[in-house]
Amino acid sequence: MPQHEQARVERRPAQIQRLARVGFWEMDFTTDTAWWSDELYRIFGLEPGSVQPGRIALASRLSPDDLAKVDAAIASARETGVLPDLVQRIVLPNGDERRISLKG
């Protein structure tokens, strides 16, 4: 496959996420490290790469009323390896709230 074609193919997942407004994240519960897609940063109202992804960054974006629910889900995921589907509110940098769905 020509290099320009390979580059185009590699960009497709990011384009699909942006069009669908779906972000993607991975979390390693043993090291408490994470990776966020560029679209997830945008959903949070942030520039890609502007914060270090992880539990603390996620917690700081959640509505305070939803934090306990997400903490319980993360604790459960550490034990079972399964993250339940959640709907909660996030707080954007401008103070607006947005509902998001987290699916494990």
C-alpha atoms as a PDB file:
ATOM      1  CA  MET A   1       0.000   0.000   0.000  1.00  0.00           C
ATOM      2  CA  PRO A   2       1.440   3.431  -0.900  1.00  0.00           C
ATOM      3  CA  GLN A   3       2.454   5.601   2.050  1.00  0.00           C
ATOM      4  CA  HIS A   4      -0.184   8.292   1.335  1.00  0.00           C
ATOM      5  CA  GLU A   5      -2.882   5.594   1.271  1.00  0.00           C
ATOM      6  CA  GLN A   6      -1.610   4.113   4.558  1.00  0.00           C
ATOM      7  CA  ALA A   7      -1.743   7.566   6.201  1.00  0.00           C
ATOM      8  CA  ARG A   8      -5.320   8.040   4.990  1.00  0.00           C
ATOM      9  CA  VAL A   9      -6.367   4.652   6.391  1.00  0.00           C
ATOM     10  CA  GLU A  10      -4.720   5.417   9.744  1.00  0.00           C
ATOM     11  CA  ARG A  11      -6.706   8.678  10.049  1.00  0.00           C
ATOM     12  CA  ARG A  12     -10.089   6.980   9.573  1.00  0.00           C
ATOM     13  CA  PRO A  13     -10.757   6.042  13.229  1.00  0.00           C
ATOM     14  CA  ALA A  14     -10.190   9.644  14.344  1.00  0.00           C
ATOM     15  CA  GLN A  15     -12.439  10.943  11.558  1.00  0.00           C
ATOM     16  CA  ILE A  16     -15.191   8.483  12.478  1.00  0.00           C
ATOM     17  CA  GLN A  17     -14.987   9.466  16.171  1.00  0.00           C
ATOM     18  CA  ARG A  18     -15.199  13.157  15.297  1.00  0.00           C
ATOM     19  CA  LEU A  19     -18.186  12.670  12.973  1.00  0.00           C
ATOM     20  CA  ALA A  20     -20.021  10.464  15.471  1.00  0.00           C
ATOM     21  CA  ARG A  21     -18.962  12.662  18.420  1.00  0.00           C
ATOM     22  CA  VAL A  22     -17.645   9.579  20.186  1.00  0.00           C
ATOM     23  CA  GLY A  23     -14.507   9.712  22.276  1.00  0.00           C
ATOM     24  CA  PHE A  24     -12.354   6.776  23.204  1.00  0.00           C
ATOM     25  CA  TRP A  25     -10.215   6.145  26.234  1.00  0.00           C
ATOM     26  CA  GLU A  26      -8.157   3.358  27.686  1.00  0.00           C
ATOM     27  CA  MET A  27      -7.254   2.991  31.348  1.00  0.00           C
ATOM     28  CA  ASP A  28      -4.700   0.715  32.949  1.00  0.00           C
ATOM     29  CA  PHE A  29      -6.097   0.171  36.428  1.00  0.00           C
ATOM     30  CA  THR A  30      -2.885  -1.401  37.689  1.00  0.00           C
ATOM     31  CA  THR A  31      -0.856   1.759  37.005  1.00  0.00           C
ATOM     32  CA  ASP A  32      -3.736   4.291  37.051  1.00  0.00           C
ATOM     33  CA  THR A  33      -2.585   5.631  33.677  1.00  0.00           C
ATOM     34  CA  ALA A  34      -4.820   6.432  30.757  1.00  0.00           C
ATOM     35  CA  TRP A  35      -4.935   7.500  27.126  1.00  0.00           C
ATOM     36  CA  TRP A  36      -7.665   9.735  25.665  1.00  0.00           C
ATOM     37  CA  SER A  37      -8.526  10.177  22.007  1.00  0.00           C
ATOM     38  CA  ASP A  38      -8.505  13.697  20.597  1.00  0.00           C
ATOM     39  CA  GLU A  39     -12.298  13.563  20.352  1.00  0.00           C
ATOM     40  CA  LEU A  40     -12.602  12.790  24.066  1.00  0.00           C
ATOM     41  CA  TYR A  41     -10.587  15.914  24.845  1.00  0.00           C
ATOM     42  CA  ARG A  42     -12.992  17.885  22.624  1.00  0.00           C
ATOM     43  CA  ILE A  43     -16.031  16.383  24.381  1.00  0.00           C
ATOM     44  CA  PHE A  44     -14.545  17.641  27.651  1.00  0.00           C
ATOM     45  CA  GLY A  45     -14.049  21.072  26.058  1.00  0.00           C
ATOM     46  CA  LEU A  46     -10.255  20.737  26.107  1.00  0.00           C
ATOM     47  CA  GLU A  47      -7.482  20.958  23.559  1.00  0.00           C
ATOM     48  CA  PRO A  48      -6.016  17.529  22.775  1.00  0.00           C
ATOM     49  CA  GLY A  49      -3.017  16.874  25.011  1.00  0.00           C
ATOM     50  CA  SER A  50      -3.768  19.818  27.328  1.00  0.00           C
ATOM     51  CA  VAL A  51      -4.137  17.638  30.453  1.00  0.00           C
ATOM     52  CA  GLN A  52      -2.599  14.344  31.522  1.00  0.00           C
ATOM     53  CA  PRO A  53      -5.381  11.752  31.112  1.00  0.00           C
ATOM     54  CA  GLY A  54      -6.211   9.534  34.053  1.00  0.00           C
ATOM     55  CA  ARG A  55      -8.555   9.102  36.982  1.00  0.00           C
ATOM     56  CA  ILE A  56      -7.714  12.519  38.458  1.00  0.00           C
ATOM     57  CA  ALA A  57      -8.302  14.316  35.152  1.00  0.00           C
ATOM     58  CA  LEU A  58     -11.603  12.483  34.697  1.00  0.00           C
ATOM     59  CA  ALA A  59     -12.708  13.209  38.268  1.00  0.00           C
ATOM     60  CA  SER A  60     -11.937  16.905  37.869  1.00  0.00           C
ATOM     61  CA  ARG A  61     -14.270  17.068  34.849  1.00  0.00           C
ATOM     62  CA  LEU A  62     -17.220  15.250  36.445  1.00  0.00           C
ATOM     63  CA  SER A  63     -20.128  16.961  38.093  1.00  0.00           C
ATOM     64  CA  PRO A  64     -19.479  16.676  41.860  1.00  0.00           C
ATOM     65  CA  ASP A  65     -22.849  14.922  42.236  1.00  0.00           C
ATOM     66  CA  ASP A  66     -21.698  12.101  39.908  1.00  0.00           C
ATOM     67  CA  LEU A  67     -18.185  11.590  41.261  1.00  0.00           C
ATOM     68  CA  ALA A  68     -19.137   8.914  43.833  1.00  0.00           C
ATOM     69  CA  LYS A  69     -20.955   6.893  41.145  1.00  0.00           C
ATOM     70  CA  VAL A  70     -17.912   6.918  38.854  1.00  0.00           C
ATOM     71  CA  ASP A  71     -15.515   6.132  41.719  1.00  0.00           C
ATOM     72  CA  ALA A  72     -17.669   3.106  42.593  1.00  0.00           C
ATOM     73  CA  ALA A  73     -17.678   1.990  38.935  1.00  0.00           C
ATOM     74  CA  ILE A  74     -13.884   2.281  38.738  1.00  0.00           C
ATOM     75  CA  ALA A  75     -13.479   0.329  41.981  1.00  0.00           C
ATOM     76  CA  SER A  76     -15.797  -2.353  40.602  1.00  0.00           C
ATOM     77  CA  ALA A  77     -13.861  -2.449  37.324  1.00  0.00           C
ATOM     78  CA  ARG A  78     -10.609  -2.955  39.208  1.00  0.00           C
ATOM     79  CA  GLU A  79     -12.109  -6.002  40.915  1.00  0.00           C
ATOM     80  CA  THR A  80     -14.091  -7.491  38.042  1.00  0.00           C
ATOM     81  CA  GLY A  81     -12.427  -6.099  34.922  1.00  0.00           C
ATOM     82  CA  VAL A  82     -15.831  -4.868  33.691  1.00  0.00           C
ATOM     83  CA  LEU A  83     -16.807  -1.207  33.628  1.00  0.00           C
ATOM     84  CA  PRO A  84     -20.578  -0.740  33.735  1.00  0.00           C
ATOM     85  CA  ASP A  85     -22.325   1.649  31.378  1.00  0.00           C
ATOM     86  CA  LEU A  86     -22.860   5.020  33.042  1.00  0.00           C
ATOM     87  CA  VAL A  87     -24.514   8.306  32.164  1.00  0.00           C
ATOM     88  CA  GLN A  88     -23.267  11.304  34.066  1.00  0.00           C
ATOM     89  CA  ARG A  89     -22.623  14.985  33.796  1.00  0.00           C
ATOM     90  CA  ILE A  90     -19.330  16.652  33.060  1.00  0.00           C
ATOM     91  CA  VAL A  91     -18.443  20.275  33.677  1.00  0.00           C
ATOM     92  CA  LEU A  92     -16.852  22.085  30.751  1.00  0.00           C
ATOM     93  CA  PRO A  93     -14.108  24.661  31.313  1.00  0.00           C
ATOM     94  CA  ASN A  94     -16.662  27.462  30.755  1.00  0.00           C
ATOM     95  CA  GLY A  95     -18.872  26.040  33.571  1.00  0.00           C
ATOM     96  CA  ASP A  96     -21.550  24.530  31.314  1.00  0.00           C
ATOM     97  CA  GLU A  97     -22.631  20.964  31.999  1.00  0.00           C
ATOM     98  CA  ARG A  98     -22.950  18.211  29.423  1.00  0.00           C
ATOM     99  CA  ARG A  99     -24.324  14.676  29.801  1.00  0.00           C
ATOM    100  CA  ILE A 100     -22.088  11.918  28.546  1.00  0.00           C
ATOM    101  CA  SER A 101     -22.371   8.168  28.367  1.00  0.00           C
ATOM    102  CA  LEU A 102     -19.424   6.041  29.465  1.00  0.00           C
ATOM    103  CA  LYS A 103     -19.504   2.512  28.162  1.00  0.00           C
ATOM    104  CA  GLY A 104     -17.040  -0.053  29.356  1.00  0.00           C
END
